[in-house]
N, C-alpha and C. Protein backbone atom coordinates (compact mmCIF):
# COMPACT_ATOMS: atom_id res chain seq x y z
N UNK A 1 118.22 107.71 150.15
CA UNK A 1 117.51 106.53 149.71
C UNK A 1 116.37 106.90 148.78
N UNK A 2 115.58 107.92 149.15
CA UNK A 2 114.47 108.37 148.33
C UNK A 2 114.97 108.90 147.00
N UNK A 3 116.09 109.62 147.02
CA UNK A 3 116.68 110.13 145.79
C UNK A 3 117.06 109.00 144.85
N UNK A 4 117.66 107.94 145.39
CA UNK A 4 118.05 106.80 144.57
C UNK A 4 116.82 106.11 143.97
N UNK A 5 115.75 106.02 144.77
CA UNK A 5 114.53 105.39 144.30
C UNK A 5 113.91 106.20 143.16
N UNK A 6 113.86 107.52 143.33
CA UNK A 6 113.31 108.39 142.29
C UNK A 6 114.18 108.32 141.04
N UNK A 7 115.50 108.32 141.22
CA UNK A 7 116.43 108.22 140.09
C UNK A 7 116.26 106.89 139.38
N UNK A 8 116.13 105.81 140.13
CA UNK A 8 115.94 104.48 139.54
C UNK A 8 114.62 104.42 138.77
N UNK A 9 113.58 104.97 139.36
CA UNK A 9 112.28 104.97 138.69
C UNK A 9 112.34 105.79 137.41
N UNK A 10 113.04 106.92 137.46
CA UNK A 10 113.20 107.75 136.27
C UNK A 10 113.95 107.03 135.17
N UNK A 11 115.01 106.31 135.54
CA UNK A 11 115.77 105.54 134.55
C UNK A 11 114.93 104.43 133.95
N UNK A 12 114.13 103.76 134.78
CA UNK A 12 113.26 102.70 134.28
C UNK A 12 112.22 103.25 133.31
N UNK A 13 111.63 104.40 133.64
CA UNK A 13 110.66 105.02 132.74
C UNK A 13 111.31 105.44 131.42
N UNK A 14 112.51 105.98 131.51
CA UNK A 14 113.23 106.39 130.30
C UNK A 14 113.55 105.18 129.43
N UNK A 15 113.98 104.11 130.05
CA UNK A 15 114.30 102.89 129.30
C UNK A 15 113.04 102.30 128.67
N UNK A 16 111.94 102.33 129.41
CA UNK A 16 110.68 101.79 128.88
C UNK A 16 110.20 102.61 127.69
N UNK A 17 110.35 103.92 127.76
CA UNK A 17 109.90 104.75 126.64
C UNK A 17 110.77 104.53 125.42
N UNK A 18 112.03 104.22 125.60
CA UNK A 18 112.91 103.93 124.47
C UNK A 18 112.56 102.59 123.82
N UNK A 19 112.02 101.67 124.62
CA UNK A 19 111.71 100.35 124.10
C UNK A 19 110.42 100.33 123.30
N UNK A 20 109.55 101.32 123.46
CA UNK A 20 108.29 101.36 122.72
C UNK A 20 108.56 101.66 121.25
N UNK A 21 107.78 101.03 120.35
CA UNK A 21 107.96 101.35 118.94
C UNK A 21 107.58 102.81 118.69
N UNK A 22 108.24 103.40 117.74
CA UNK A 22 107.96 104.79 117.43
C UNK A 22 106.57 104.93 116.85
N UNK A 23 105.97 106.03 117.13
CA UNK A 23 104.66 106.31 116.56
C UNK A 23 104.83 106.55 115.07
N UNK A 24 103.97 105.94 114.28
CA UNK A 24 104.03 106.09 112.84
C UNK A 24 103.45 107.46 112.48
N UNK A 25 104.22 108.23 111.76
CA UNK A 25 103.76 109.55 111.34
C UNK A 25 102.89 109.43 110.10
N UNK A 26 101.83 110.21 110.02
CA UNK A 26 100.99 110.15 108.83
C UNK A 26 101.74 110.66 107.60
N UNK A 27 101.50 110.03 106.45
CA UNK A 27 102.17 110.49 105.23
C UNK A 27 101.55 111.81 104.76
N UNK A 28 102.26 112.53 103.94
CA UNK A 28 101.66 113.73 103.36
C UNK A 28 100.45 113.30 102.52
N UNK A 29 99.44 114.12 102.47
CA UNK A 29 98.23 113.83 101.69
C UNK A 29 97.52 112.56 102.16
N UNK A 30 97.53 112.32 103.48
CA UNK A 30 96.86 111.15 104.04
C UNK A 30 95.37 111.19 103.67
N UNK A 31 94.87 110.08 103.11
CA UNK A 31 93.45 109.99 102.83
C UNK A 31 92.71 109.80 104.15
N UNK A 32 91.54 110.38 104.27
CA UNK A 32 90.75 110.20 105.48
C UNK A 32 90.25 108.76 105.53
N UNK A 33 89.79 108.35 106.69
CA UNK A 33 89.24 107.00 106.83
C UNK A 33 88.05 106.82 105.89
N UNK A 34 87.26 107.86 105.73
CA UNK A 34 86.10 107.79 104.85
C UNK A 34 86.53 107.62 103.39
N UNK A 35 87.56 108.37 102.99
CA UNK A 35 88.04 108.27 101.61
C UNK A 35 88.62 106.88 101.31
N UNK A 36 89.43 106.36 102.21
CA UNK A 36 90.05 105.06 101.96
C UNK A 36 89.00 103.96 102.02
N UNK A 37 87.99 104.13 102.87
CA UNK A 37 86.89 103.17 102.93
C UNK A 37 86.15 103.13 101.60
N UNK A 38 85.82 104.30 101.07
CA UNK A 38 85.11 104.36 99.78
C UNK A 38 85.94 103.71 98.67
N UNK A 39 87.24 103.96 98.66
CA UNK A 39 88.10 103.35 97.65
C UNK A 39 88.15 101.83 97.80
N UNK A 40 88.28 101.35 99.01
CA UNK A 40 88.33 99.90 99.24
C UNK A 40 87.04 99.23 98.80
N UNK A 41 85.91 99.87 99.06
CA UNK A 41 84.63 99.32 98.61
C UNK A 41 84.62 99.22 97.09
N UNK A 42 85.02 100.29 96.42
CA UNK A 42 85.06 100.27 94.95
C UNK A 42 86.02 99.20 94.43
N UNK A 43 87.19 99.07 95.06
CA UNK A 43 88.16 98.06 94.60
C UNK A 43 87.62 96.64 94.78
N UNK A 44 86.94 96.39 95.89
CA UNK A 44 86.38 95.05 96.12
C UNK A 44 85.24 94.76 95.14
N UNK A 45 84.41 95.75 94.85
CA UNK A 45 83.35 95.56 93.86
C UNK A 45 83.94 95.33 92.48
N UNK A 46 84.96 96.08 92.15
CA UNK A 46 85.64 95.91 90.87
C UNK A 46 86.22 94.50 90.75
N UNK A 47 86.89 94.06 91.80
CA UNK A 47 87.48 92.73 91.79
C UNK A 47 86.41 91.66 91.60
N UNK A 48 85.27 91.84 92.26
CA UNK A 48 84.18 90.88 92.16
C UNK A 48 83.63 90.83 90.73
N UNK A 49 83.44 91.99 90.13
CA UNK A 49 82.94 92.04 88.74
C UNK A 49 83.90 91.35 87.79
N UNK A 50 85.19 91.59 87.97
CA UNK A 50 86.19 91.00 87.08
C UNK A 50 86.27 89.49 87.29
N UNK A 51 86.21 89.05 88.55
CA UNK A 51 86.26 87.61 88.83
C UNK A 51 85.06 86.88 88.20
N UNK A 52 83.91 87.54 88.19
CA UNK A 52 82.73 86.89 87.63
C UNK A 52 82.68 86.98 86.10
N UNK A 53 83.61 87.69 85.49
CA UNK A 53 83.61 87.85 84.03
C UNK A 53 84.21 86.65 83.31
N UNK A 54 84.85 85.77 84.05
CA UNK A 54 85.43 84.53 83.50
C UNK A 54 86.53 84.79 82.47
N UNK A 55 87.25 85.87 82.66
CA UNK A 55 88.41 86.15 81.82
C UNK A 55 89.57 85.26 82.25
N UNK A 56 90.54 85.12 81.36
CA UNK A 56 91.74 84.39 81.75
C UNK A 56 92.44 85.18 82.85
N UNK A 57 93.24 84.52 83.69
CA UNK A 57 93.90 85.24 84.79
C UNK A 57 94.73 86.44 84.31
N UNK A 58 95.46 86.29 83.20
CA UNK A 58 96.27 87.41 82.71
C UNK A 58 95.40 88.57 82.26
N UNK A 59 94.32 88.26 81.54
CA UNK A 59 93.42 89.32 81.06
C UNK A 59 92.71 89.99 82.24
N UNK A 60 92.30 89.18 83.22
CA UNK A 60 91.62 89.74 84.39
C UNK A 60 92.56 90.67 85.16
N UNK A 61 93.81 90.27 85.32
CA UNK A 61 94.79 91.10 86.04
C UNK A 61 95.02 92.41 85.29
N UNK A 62 95.15 92.34 83.97
CA UNK A 62 95.37 93.55 83.17
C UNK A 62 94.17 94.48 83.25
N UNK A 63 92.96 93.91 83.16
CA UNK A 63 91.75 94.72 83.24
C UNK A 63 91.63 95.36 84.63
N UNK A 64 91.93 94.58 85.67
CA UNK A 64 91.86 95.14 87.03
C UNK A 64 92.82 96.32 87.18
N UNK A 65 94.02 96.19 86.68
CA UNK A 65 95.00 97.28 86.81
C UNK A 65 94.52 98.54 86.10
N UNK A 66 93.94 98.37 84.92
CA UNK A 66 93.42 99.54 84.18
C UNK A 66 92.27 100.18 84.94
N UNK A 67 91.34 99.36 85.39
CA UNK A 67 90.17 99.89 86.09
C UNK A 67 90.53 100.44 87.48
N UNK A 68 91.53 99.84 88.11
CA UNK A 68 92.03 100.34 89.39
C UNK A 68 92.54 101.77 89.21
N UNK A 69 93.30 101.97 88.15
CA UNK A 69 93.81 103.31 87.82
C UNK A 69 92.66 104.29 87.58
N UNK A 70 91.61 103.82 86.88
CA UNK A 70 90.46 104.67 86.61
C UNK A 70 89.75 105.10 87.89
N UNK A 71 89.61 104.17 88.83
CA UNK A 71 88.98 104.49 90.12
C UNK A 71 89.80 105.56 90.84
N UNK A 72 91.11 105.38 90.87
CA UNK A 72 91.97 106.39 91.50
C UNK A 72 91.80 107.74 90.82
N UNK A 73 91.77 107.73 89.49
CA UNK A 73 91.63 108.97 88.72
C UNK A 73 90.30 109.65 89.05
N UNK A 74 89.23 108.85 89.17
CA UNK A 74 87.92 109.42 89.51
C UNK A 74 87.93 110.10 90.88
N UNK A 75 88.81 109.64 91.75
CA UNK A 75 88.95 110.24 93.08
C UNK A 75 90.07 111.28 93.12
N UNK A 76 90.50 111.68 91.92
CA UNK A 76 91.55 112.70 91.77
C UNK A 76 92.88 112.28 92.39
N UNK A 77 93.17 110.97 92.28
CA UNK A 77 94.44 110.43 92.78
C UNK A 77 95.21 109.86 91.60
N UNK A 78 96.53 109.89 91.73
CA UNK A 78 97.39 109.31 90.71
C UNK A 78 98.05 108.07 91.28
N UNK A 79 98.12 107.03 90.47
CA UNK A 79 98.79 105.82 90.92
C UNK A 79 100.27 106.11 91.20
N UNK A 80 100.84 107.02 90.43
CA UNK A 80 102.27 107.31 90.55
C UNK A 80 102.65 108.00 91.86
N UNK A 81 101.71 108.71 92.50
CA UNK A 81 102.10 109.39 93.74
C UNK A 81 101.88 108.52 94.99
N UNK A 82 101.31 107.34 94.81
CA UNK A 82 101.17 106.33 95.88
C UNK A 82 100.38 106.82 97.09
N UNK A 83 99.52 107.80 96.93
CA UNK A 83 98.75 108.31 98.06
C UNK A 83 97.91 107.21 98.69
N UNK A 84 97.24 106.41 97.85
CA UNK A 84 96.42 105.32 98.39
C UNK A 84 97.29 104.32 99.15
N UNK A 85 98.38 103.89 98.54
CA UNK A 85 99.24 102.88 99.17
C UNK A 85 99.83 103.38 100.48
N UNK A 86 100.30 104.63 100.49
CA UNK A 86 100.88 105.19 101.71
C UNK A 86 99.83 105.33 102.81
N UNK A 87 98.62 105.75 102.43
CA UNK A 87 97.55 105.90 103.41
C UNK A 87 97.14 104.53 103.95
N UNK A 88 97.02 103.54 103.08
CA UNK A 88 96.65 102.19 103.51
C UNK A 88 97.70 101.65 104.48
N UNK A 89 98.96 101.83 104.13
CA UNK A 89 100.05 101.36 105.00
C UNK A 89 100.00 102.06 106.36
N UNK A 90 99.71 103.35 106.37
CA UNK A 90 99.62 104.09 107.63
C UNK A 90 98.51 103.51 108.50
N UNK A 91 97.33 103.30 107.92
CA UNK A 91 96.22 102.75 108.70
C UNK A 91 96.50 101.31 109.12
N UNK A 92 97.24 100.56 108.30
CA UNK A 92 97.59 99.18 108.65
C UNK A 92 98.54 99.16 109.84
N UNK A 93 99.43 100.14 109.94
CA UNK A 93 100.36 100.21 111.07
C UNK A 93 99.60 100.53 112.37
N UNK A 94 98.46 101.17 112.24
CA UNK A 94 97.58 101.44 113.38
C UNK A 94 96.43 100.44 113.27
N UNK A 95 96.66 99.21 113.70
CA UNK A 95 95.76 98.09 113.49
C UNK A 95 94.30 98.36 113.77
N UNK A 96 94.01 99.08 114.84
CA UNK A 96 92.62 99.36 115.17
C UNK A 96 91.96 100.19 114.07
N UNK A 97 92.70 101.10 113.47
CA UNK A 97 92.15 101.92 112.40
C UNK A 97 91.75 101.05 111.22
N UNK A 98 92.62 100.17 110.80
CA UNK A 98 92.33 99.33 109.64
C UNK A 98 91.20 98.36 109.95
N UNK A 99 91.14 97.85 111.19
CA UNK A 99 90.03 96.98 111.58
C UNK A 99 88.70 97.72 111.44
N UNK A 100 88.66 98.95 111.89
CA UNK A 100 87.44 99.75 111.79
C UNK A 100 87.07 100.06 110.35
N UNK A 101 88.07 100.35 109.54
CA UNK A 101 87.84 100.64 108.13
C UNK A 101 87.25 99.41 107.45
N UNK A 102 87.86 98.25 107.68
CA UNK A 102 87.37 97.04 107.03
C UNK A 102 86.02 96.59 107.58
N UNK A 103 85.72 96.88 108.83
CA UNK A 103 84.39 96.57 109.36
C UNK A 103 83.34 97.35 108.57
N UNK A 104 83.63 98.61 108.27
CA UNK A 104 82.72 99.43 107.48
C UNK A 104 82.62 98.92 106.04
N UNK A 105 83.76 98.52 105.46
CA UNK A 105 83.77 97.97 104.10
C UNK A 105 82.89 96.72 104.04
N UNK A 106 83.09 95.82 104.98
CA UNK A 106 82.34 94.56 105.01
C UNK A 106 80.85 94.83 105.19
N UNK A 107 80.51 95.73 106.11
CA UNK A 107 79.10 96.07 106.32
C UNK A 107 78.47 96.64 105.05
N UNK A 108 79.19 97.51 104.37
CA UNK A 108 78.68 98.11 103.14
C UNK A 108 78.49 97.08 102.04
N UNK A 109 79.48 96.20 101.87
CA UNK A 109 79.37 95.16 100.84
C UNK A 109 78.24 94.19 101.17
N UNK A 110 78.07 93.84 102.44
CA UNK A 110 76.99 92.94 102.85
C UNK A 110 75.63 93.59 102.60
N UNK A 111 75.51 94.89 102.88
CA UNK A 111 74.25 95.60 102.65
C UNK A 111 73.93 95.64 101.16
N UNK A 112 74.95 95.87 100.33
CA UNK A 112 74.73 95.88 98.87
C UNK A 112 74.30 94.50 98.39
N UNK A 113 74.94 93.48 98.93
CA UNK A 113 74.63 92.10 98.55
C UNK A 113 73.19 91.76 98.95
N UNK A 114 72.80 92.17 100.14
CA UNK A 114 71.44 91.92 100.62
C UNK A 114 70.42 92.65 99.75
N UNK A 115 70.74 93.87 99.40
CA UNK A 115 69.84 94.69 98.57
C UNK A 115 69.65 94.04 97.20
N UNK A 116 70.72 93.45 96.68
CA UNK A 116 70.65 92.81 95.36
C UNK A 116 70.03 91.42 95.45
N UNK A 117 69.88 90.89 96.66
CA UNK A 117 69.27 89.59 96.85
C UNK A 117 70.16 88.42 96.49
N UNK A 118 71.47 88.62 96.54
CA UNK A 118 72.38 87.52 96.23
C UNK A 118 72.82 86.86 97.52
N UNK A 119 73.19 85.60 97.41
CA UNK A 119 73.67 84.86 98.57
C UNK A 119 75.13 85.19 98.79
N UNK A 120 75.54 85.34 100.03
CA UNK A 120 76.96 85.60 100.31
C UNK A 120 77.82 84.41 99.94
N UNK A 121 79.05 84.70 99.56
CA UNK A 121 80.00 83.64 99.25
C UNK A 121 80.44 82.97 100.53
N UNK A 122 80.74 81.67 100.47
CA UNK A 122 81.25 81.00 101.68
C UNK A 122 82.59 81.58 102.07
N UNK A 123 82.92 81.57 103.37
CA UNK A 123 84.21 82.11 103.81
C UNK A 123 85.36 81.29 103.27
N UNK A 124 86.49 81.97 103.04
CA UNK A 124 87.70 81.29 102.57
C UNK A 124 88.36 80.57 103.73
N UNK A 125 88.92 79.41 103.49
CA UNK A 125 89.65 78.68 104.52
C UNK A 125 91.04 78.44 104.05
């Protein structure tokens, strides 16, 4: 009886472990949380500057793409190797990681906004 119980428990544990989603493996050249945080801050500041420039949507999109590439280049990254995208996707799959990264991004942007003395934008609905 005890053997059957142990065997049943073992089978249940094995089945449960098979049902869990696989752990996401980090991509090669994974950016650290600090690196991806710094990039996200720069991208959000860039987006804000472009939005306030009052360019047409097509011109704004083209300018953002060029400047986005420049930011990556300044961080010694190439758009073609997708290091940023792969790293972002990895952290997104680990939800707590991305939540922490964005909490830091938001805190940094809020501190910059406070330092500049500008009023925060209303939340999007």
